Protein backbone atom coordinates (compact mmCIF):
# COMPACT_ATOMS: atom_id res chain seq x y z
CA UNK A 1 -298.68 122.57 -121.24
CA UNK A 2 -296.06 121.39 -118.77
CA UNK A 3 -296.12 118.06 -116.87
CA UNK A 4 -296.17 118.31 -113.17
CA UNK A 5 -295.77 115.66 -110.38
CA UNK A 6 -296.57 116.46 -106.70
CA UNK A 7 -297.07 114.36 -103.69
CA UNK A 8 -295.60 112.51 -100.68
CA UNK A 9 -294.22 109.12 -100.21
CA UNK A 10 -292.56 106.79 -97.66
CA UNK A 11 -289.31 108.72 -98.06
CA UNK A 12 -290.74 111.99 -97.03
CA UNK A 13 -293.55 110.99 -94.69
CA UNK A 14 -293.58 108.30 -91.94
CA UNK A 15 -296.33 105.66 -91.86
CA UNK A 16 -298.12 107.29 -88.85
CA UNK A 17 -298.77 110.34 -90.98
CA UNK A 18 -298.88 108.73 -94.34
CA UNK A 19 -301.83 106.47 -93.45
CA UNK A 20 -303.97 109.63 -93.17
CA UNK A 21 -303.53 110.08 -96.91
CA UNK A 22 -304.81 106.55 -97.80
CA UNK A 23 -307.91 107.84 -99.78
CA UNK A 24 -311.10 105.80 -100.45
CA UNK A 25 -312.29 105.54 -103.96
CA UNK A 26 -314.92 108.19 -103.43
CA UNK A 27 -312.45 110.66 -101.88
CA UNK A 28 -309.93 109.92 -104.62
CA UNK A 29 -312.57 110.75 -107.32
CA UNK A 30 -313.59 113.92 -105.51
CA UNK A 31 -309.95 115.08 -105.22
CA UNK A 32 -309.19 114.09 -108.81
CA UNK A 33 -312.18 116.08 -110.14
CA UNK A 34 -311.56 119.19 -108.09
CA UNK A 35 -307.81 119.12 -109.17
CA UNK A 36 -308.90 118.72 -112.72
CA UNK A 37 -311.19 121.72 -112.51
CA UNK A 38 -308.34 123.95 -111.15
CA UNK A 39 -307.33 126.91 -113.29
CA UNK A 40 -304.72 126.07 -115.91
CA UNK A 41 -305.02 122.26 -115.49
CA UNK A 42 -305.97 120.31 -118.56
CA UNK A 43 -305.41 116.72 -117.35
CA UNK A 44 -304.77 114.93 -114.08
CA UNK A 45 -304.01 111.43 -112.72
CA UNK A 46 -303.99 110.62 -109.01
CA UNK A 47 -301.99 107.65 -107.71
CA UNK A 48 -302.72 106.61 -104.12
CA UNK A 49 -301.10 103.54 -102.61
CA UNK A 50 -299.91 102.49 -99.17
CA UNK A 51 -296.56 104.12 -99.85
CA UNK A 52 -297.42 107.29 -101.80
CA UNK A 53 -300.11 109.82 -102.88
CA UNK A 54 -299.07 111.57 -106.08
CA UNK A 55 -300.60 113.89 -108.71
CA UNK A 56 -299.56 113.89 -112.32
CA UNK A 57 -300.93 116.76 -114.21
CA UNK A 58 -300.64 118.74 -117.48
CA UNK A 59 -300.86 122.40 -116.58
CA UNK A 60 -300.17 125.90 -117.99
CA UNK A 61 -299.01 127.03 -114.47
CA UNK A 62 -297.43 124.10 -112.65
CA UNK A 63 -296.58 126.18 -109.47
CA UNK A 64 -300.18 127.37 -109.12
CA UNK A 65 -301.41 123.78 -109.77
CA UNK A 66 -299.06 122.43 -107.11
CA UNK A 67 -300.19 124.95 -104.57
CA UNK A 68 -303.85 124.41 -105.22
CA UNK A 69 -303.34 120.56 -105.03
CA UNK A 70 -301.60 120.93 -101.75
CA UNK A 71 -304.50 122.99 -100.37
CA UNK A 72 -307.06 120.46 -101.65
CA UNK A 73 -305.15 117.62 -100.11
CA UNK A 74 -304.99 119.42 -96.77
CA UNK A 75 -308.69 120.14 -96.90
CA UNK A 76 -309.49 116.44 -97.64
CA UNK A 77 -307.29 114.96 -94.91
CA UNK A 78 -307.25 117.64 -92.31
CA UNK A 79 -303.45 117.50 -92.19
CA UNK A 80 -300.93 119.95 -93.56
CA UNK A 81 -297.72 118.29 -94.85
CA UNK A 82 -295.03 119.48 -97.23
CA UNK A 83 -295.22 117.92 -100.62
CA UNK A 84 -292.43 117.40 -103.18
CA UNK A 85 -293.08 118.57 -106.70
CA UNK A 86 -291.31 118.29 -110.02
CA UNK A 87 -291.84 119.63 -113.51
CA UNK A 88 -290.67 118.05 -116.76
CA UNK A 89 -288.19 116.50 -117.45
CA UNK A 90 -287.90 115.45 -113.80
CA UNK A 91 -291.62 114.70 -113.44
CA UNK A 92 -291.54 112.38 -116.41
CA UNK A 93 -288.31 110.68 -115.03
CA UNK A 94 -290.03 110.30 -111.60
CA UNK A 95 -293.04 108.48 -113.11
CA UNK A 96 -290.89 106.21 -115.08
CA UNK A 97 -288.92 105.32 -111.91
CA UNK A 98 -292.14 104.88 -109.85
CA UNK A 99 -293.79 102.45 -112.30
CA UNK A 100 -290.46 100.49 -112.63
CA UNK A 101 -290.16 99.93 -108.92
CA UNK A 102 -286.98 102.13 -108.56
CA UNK A 103 -288.75 104.55 -106.19
CA UNK A 104 -290.45 101.82 -104.13
CA UNK A 105 -289.81 100.82 -100.54
CA UNK A 106 -288.81 97.41 -101.79
CA UNK A 107 -286.51 98.15 -104.74
CA UNK A 108 -287.78 96.50 -107.92
CA UNK A 109 -291.28 95.52 -106.49
CA UNK A 110 -293.79 94.85 -109.20
CA UNK A 111 -297.11 95.66 -107.63
CA UNK A 112 -296.68 99.26 -108.29
CA UNK A 113 -296.87 98.78 -111.99
CA UNK A 114 -300.42 97.44 -111.63
CA UNK A 115 -301.29 100.43 -109.32
CA UNK A 116 -300.10 102.88 -111.82
CA UNK A 117 -302.14 101.24 -114.58
CA UNK A 118 -305.20 101.35 -112.33
CA UNK A 119 -304.63 105.03 -111.62
CA UNK A 120 -304.48 105.74 -115.29
CA UNK A 121 -307.51 103.65 -116.09
CA UNK A 122 -309.48 105.35 -113.33
CA UNK A 123 -308.58 108.86 -114.63
CA UNK A 124 -309.48 107.79 -118.20
CA UNK A 125 -312.79 106.57 -116.97
CA UNK A 126 -313.46 109.89 -115.17
CA UNK A 127 -312.50 111.95 -118.17
CA UNK A 128 -309.44 113.68 -116.75
CA UNK A 129 -306.84 112.31 -119.23
CA UNK A 130 -305.41 114.44 -122.04
CA UNK A 131 -303.51 113.29 -125.12
CA UNK A 132 -300.37 114.38 -123.43
CA UNK A 133 -300.91 112.31 -120.34
CA UNK A 134 -302.19 109.38 -122.39
CA UNK A 135 -298.90 109.36 -124.29
CA UNK A 136 -296.89 109.78 -121.10
CA UNK A 137 -298.53 106.83 -119.39
CA UNK A 138 -298.34 104.58 -122.46
CA UNK A 139 -294.56 105.29 -122.54
CA UNK A 140 -294.42 104.70 -118.77
CA UNK A 141 -295.81 101.11 -119.20
CA UNK A 142 -293.35 100.45 -122.06
CA UNK A 143 -290.27 101.54 -120.06
CA UNK A 144 -291.37 99.64 -116.96
CA UNK A 145 -291.84 96.47 -119.00
CA UNK A 146 -288.49 96.93 -120.65
CA UNK A 147 -286.72 97.45 -117.26
CA UNK A 148 -288.44 94.37 -115.97
CA UNK A 149 -287.37 92.05 -118.78
CA UNK A 150 -283.83 93.52 -119.59
CA UNK A 151 -282.45 93.85 -116.07
CA UNK A 152 -282.48 91.88 -112.88
CA UNK A 153 -284.11 94.59 -110.82
CA UNK A 154 -286.92 92.21 -109.78
CA UNK A 155 -284.72 89.35 -108.60
CA UNK A 156 -285.95 87.74 -105.40
CA UNK A 157 -288.94 88.92 -103.29
CA UNK A 158 -290.36 91.93 -105.12
CA UNK A 159 -293.60 92.78 -103.39
CA UNK A 160 -294.93 93.23 -99.84
CA UNK A 161 -296.98 90.05 -100.16
CA UNK A 162 -294.01 87.95 -101.31
CA UNK A 163 -291.89 89.32 -98.41
CA UNK A 164 -294.68 88.55 -95.95
CA UNK A 165 -294.77 84.96 -97.14
CA UNK A 166 -290.96 84.64 -97.02
CA UNK A 167 -291.16 85.94 -93.44
CA UNK A 168 -293.74 83.32 -92.54
CA UNK A 169 -291.38 80.56 -93.96
CA UNK A 170 -288.43 81.94 -92.02
CA UNK A 171 -290.39 81.72 -88.83
CA UNK A 172 -292.11 78.36 -89.33
CA UNK A 173 -290.05 76.60 -92.01
CA UNK A 174 -292.40 74.35 -94.05
CA UNK A 175 -295.89 76.00 -93.94
CA UNK A 176 -297.91 72.78 -94.62
CA UNK A 177 -298.97 72.51 -90.99
CA UNK A 178 -299.34 76.21 -90.16
CA UNK A 179 -302.75 77.63 -89.60
CA UNK A 180 -303.01 81.12 -91.19
CA UNK A 181 -305.76 83.70 -91.12
CA UNK A 182 -306.15 86.49 -93.63
CA UNK A 183 -308.26 89.46 -92.77
CA UNK A 184 -309.46 91.25 -95.84
CA UNK A 185 -310.35 89.92 -99.37
CA UNK A 186 -308.93 92.69 -101.58
CA UNK A 187 -306.01 92.54 -104.01
CA UNK A 188 -303.27 92.50 -101.32
CA UNK A 189 -305.05 89.61 -99.48
CA UNK A 190 -305.56 87.69 -102.67
CA UNK A 191 -301.97 87.97 -103.76
CA UNK A 192 -300.76 86.91 -100.32
CA UNK A 193 -303.11 84.01 -100.29
CA UNK A 194 -302.00 82.79 -103.64
CA UNK A 195 -298.39 82.85 -102.57
CA UNK A 196 -299.22 80.98 -99.43
CA UNK A 197 -301.06 78.37 -101.46
CA UNK A 198 -298.03 78.00 -103.73
CA UNK A 199 -295.95 77.25 -100.52
CA UNK A 200 -298.21 74.43 -99.57
CA UNK A 201 -300.51 76.11 -96.99
CA UNK A 202 -303.53 73.89 -96.28
CA UNK A 203 -305.13 75.51 -93.37
CA UNK A 204 -306.11 78.97 -94.56
CA UNK A 205 -308.94 81.04 -93.12
CA UNK A 206 -310.32 84.15 -94.84
CA UNK A 207 -312.42 86.73 -93.11
CA UNK A 208 -313.86 89.87 -94.63
CA UNK A 209 -316.58 92.38 -93.80
CA UNK A 210 -318.42 91.36 -96.93
CA UNK A 211 -318.73 87.68 -96.27
CA UNK A 212 -319.33 86.56 -99.88
CA UNK A 213 -315.93 88.04 -100.92
CA UNK A 214 -314.33 85.92 -98.20
CA UNK A 215 -316.25 82.81 -99.44
CA UNK A 216 -315.07 83.41 -103.00
CA UNK A 217 -311.41 83.91 -102.09
CA UNK A 218 -311.46 80.97 -99.65
CA UNK A 219 -312.99 78.75 -102.20
CA UNK A 220 -310.35 79.60 -104.75
CA UNK A 221 -307.59 78.92 -102.23
CA UNK A 222 -309.14 75.71 -100.86
CA UNK A 223 -309.58 77.44 -97.50
CA UNK A 224 -312.37 78.32 -95.13
CA UNK A 225 -314.39 81.57 -95.03
CA UNK A 226 -315.29 83.19 -91.64
CA UNK A 227 -317.80 85.88 -90.84
CA UNK A 228 -315.95 89.01 -89.81
CA UNK A 229 -317.81 89.11 -86.50
CA UNK A 230 -316.15 85.79 -85.56
CA UNK A 231 -312.51 86.14 -86.52
CA UNK A 232 -311.41 87.29 -83.04
CA UNK A 233 -312.72 84.07 -81.45
CA UNK A 234 -310.29 82.09 -83.68
CA UNK A 235 -307.09 83.90 -82.73
CA UNK A 236 -306.25 81.16 -80.25
CA UNK A 237 -306.02 78.51 -82.92
CA UNK A 238 -303.90 80.09 -85.62
CA UNK A 239 -300.12 80.54 -86.03
CA UNK A 240 -300.01 83.58 -88.33
CA UNK A 241 -302.37 86.49 -88.89
CA UNK A 242 -302.09 88.50 -92.04
CA UNK A 243 -304.22 91.62 -92.02
CA UNK A 244 -304.89 93.82 -95.10
CA UNK A 245 -308.43 95.32 -94.67
CA UNK A 246 -309.52 98.74 -95.69
CA UNK A 247 -310.68 99.67 -92.30
CA UNK A 248 -310.20 103.42 -91.43
CA UNK A 249 -309.08 102.51 -87.93
CA UNK A 250 -307.23 99.73 -85.99
CA UNK A 251 -309.29 96.53 -85.64
CA UNK A 252 -306.82 94.59 -83.40
CA UNK A 253 -305.82 95.96 -80.13
CA UNK A 254 -304.12 94.82 -76.93
CA UNK A 255 -307.43 94.33 -75.20
CA UNK A 256 -308.85 92.13 -77.91
CA UNK A 257 -305.65 89.90 -77.84
CA UNK A 258 -305.43 89.44 -74.10
CA UNK A 259 -307.87 86.57 -73.77
CA UNK A 260 -306.69 84.81 -76.87
CA UNK A 261 -303.13 84.79 -75.60
CA UNK A 262 -304.15 83.04 -72.44
CA UNK A 263 -305.64 80.27 -74.46
CA UNK A 264 -302.59 79.73 -76.64
CA UNK A 265 -300.52 78.46 -73.69
CA UNK A 266 -297.33 80.19 -74.70
CA UNK A 267 -297.53 79.49 -78.47
CA UNK A 268 -296.13 82.61 -80.33
CA UNK A 269 -298.45 84.57 -82.60
CA UNK A 270 -296.96 86.27 -85.64
CA UNK A 271 -298.86 89.16 -87.11
CA UNK A 272 -298.18 90.80 -90.48
CA UNK A 273 -299.97 94.07 -91.01
CA UNK A 274 -300.13 95.07 -94.69
CA UNK A 275 -302.89 97.63 -94.25
CA UNK A 276 -302.77 101.38 -94.59
CA UNK A 277 -304.09 102.75 -92.34
CA UNK A 278 -302.72 100.07 -90.05
CA UNK A 279 -305.11 97.36 -88.86
CA UNK A 280 -303.05 96.42 -85.70
CA UNK A 281 -302.30 98.79 -82.85
CA UNK A 282 -298.50 99.18 -82.55
CA UNK A 283 -298.75 98.49 -78.78
CA UNK A 284 -299.56 94.88 -79.67
CA UNK A 285 -295.87 94.31 -80.44
CA UNK A 286 -295.05 94.87 -76.76
CA UNK A 287 -297.17 91.88 -75.68
CA UNK A 288 -295.31 88.69 -74.73
CA UNK A 289 -295.39 86.04 -77.26
CA UNK A 290 -296.65 88.38 -80.02
CA UNK A 291 -294.42 89.53 -82.96
CA UNK A 292 -295.81 92.26 -85.18
CA UNK A 293 -294.54 93.44 -88.56
CA UNK A 294 -295.98 96.32 -90.59
CA UNK A 295 -295.21 97.46 -94.06
CA UNK A 296 -292.34 99.65 -92.96
CA UNK A 297 -290.62 96.88 -90.99
CA UNK A 298 -290.95 94.45 -93.86
CA UNK A 299 -288.48 96.60 -95.88
CA UNK A 300 -285.65 95.34 -93.69
CA UNK A 301 -286.54 91.67 -94.47
CA UNK A 302 -285.84 92.08 -98.16
CA UNK A 303 -282.19 93.01 -97.60
CA UNK A 304 -280.94 89.61 -98.96
CA UNK A 305 -281.80 90.53 -102.48
CA UNK A 306 -281.24 94.21 -102.32
CA UNK A 307 -277.51 94.12 -103.20
CA UNK A 308 -278.06 92.49 -106.53
CA UNK A 309 -280.93 94.82 -107.27
CA UNK A 310 -278.88 97.94 -106.48
CA UNK A 311 -276.24 96.80 -109.01
CA UNK A 312 -278.93 97.02 -111.65
CA UNK A 313 -279.99 100.62 -110.83
CA UNK A 314 -277.48 102.24 -113.16
CA UNK A 315 -278.78 100.19 -116.09
CA UNK A 316 -282.34 101.03 -115.21
CA UNK A 317 -281.58 104.77 -115.06
CA UNK A 318 -279.88 104.70 -118.42
CA UNK A 319 -283.04 103.14 -119.96
CA UNK A 320 -285.16 105.73 -118.24
CA UNK A 321 -282.95 108.65 -119.51
CA UNK A 322 -283.31 107.20 -123.05
CA UNK A 323 -287.18 107.13 -122.82
CA UNK A 324 -287.43 110.51 -121.23
CA UNK A 325 -285.40 112.05 -124.12
CA UNK A 326 -287.53 110.21 -126.54
CA UNK A 327 -290.75 111.33 -124.98
CA UNK A 328 -289.73 115.01 -124.97
CA UNK A 329 -288.39 114.75 -128.50
CA UNK A 330 -291.76 113.54 -129.67
CA UNK A 331 -293.61 116.08 -127.63
CA UNK A 332 -291.85 119.04 -129.14
CA UNK A 333 -291.75 117.69 -132.61
CA UNK A 334 -295.48 116.70 -132.68
CA UNK A 335 -297.16 119.70 -131.12
CA UNK A 336 -300.34 119.09 -133.00
CA UNK A 337 -300.75 115.79 -131.24
CA UNK A 338 -299.72 116.96 -127.77
CA UNK A 339 -301.47 120.26 -127.64
CA UNK A 340 -304.86 119.24 -129.08
CA UNK A 341 -307.15 119.27 -126.10
């Protein structure tokens, strides 16, 4: 069995196309199971984040598996895009780099580590993990932790949520008196809310389609929950809007903002869109007094810490090479373990 990686990411696909590949949990499971049933495939893991959609599989025929996965993904999304694909040892090295934050839009970001763990756990739950892939992902977690502790690759802002909060501080300075609304109560919203709380934010509003989730998060943060039907009526009173919902379409448009801007009497509104697909229509950025940042534009705001992180890349790559060699050595010396399916 050979290990294959196939997919697309922010380097190969712009956000306007990439957001079509943000799969719901149901679609992700369907695609995972269909890929797993493909001829020659013994195991599969699907990683789907705002910046990448990738398959990691053990297969007798990697080329055939890659072509079939590409067809399935096209069928699921309705869009045909070229995918990159690697086989071992490059597929192994790529996974190690991804989990360690070396292949992220924000070099050294740490959220991807948790996302890789969730993808592995989801595949384990659905019965698509083999011993080979289990061993591969366990080694992946080890090398990612080692890189995080033995290098300075995570120095400074290391996630989209932390960059978003740093942006808010650059705009408003002390955030104690800023009124902030968060749309969505998922993982990204929770991380952002916790970072805002650590910066002294007192006026925090959380709105979510499932109101109870908004209540729970707002209570933890010492903020206020708002029914999703009412958040638009409060736009005139806030300073910063951070949106990270799972909506399949834009929820904030130019038309919805017009009346609120009149009530703001010239006060600027800063919007940070962390969602994929995007929550905010890009035309909103053209409105006077509105400043919109999406996940692609946030990359540029992390430049202050990037130089130090780039200096750490060579150390990280050496650690990864060491672990790739170790993994392959064990694979070929312990065939009974790796080829018992």
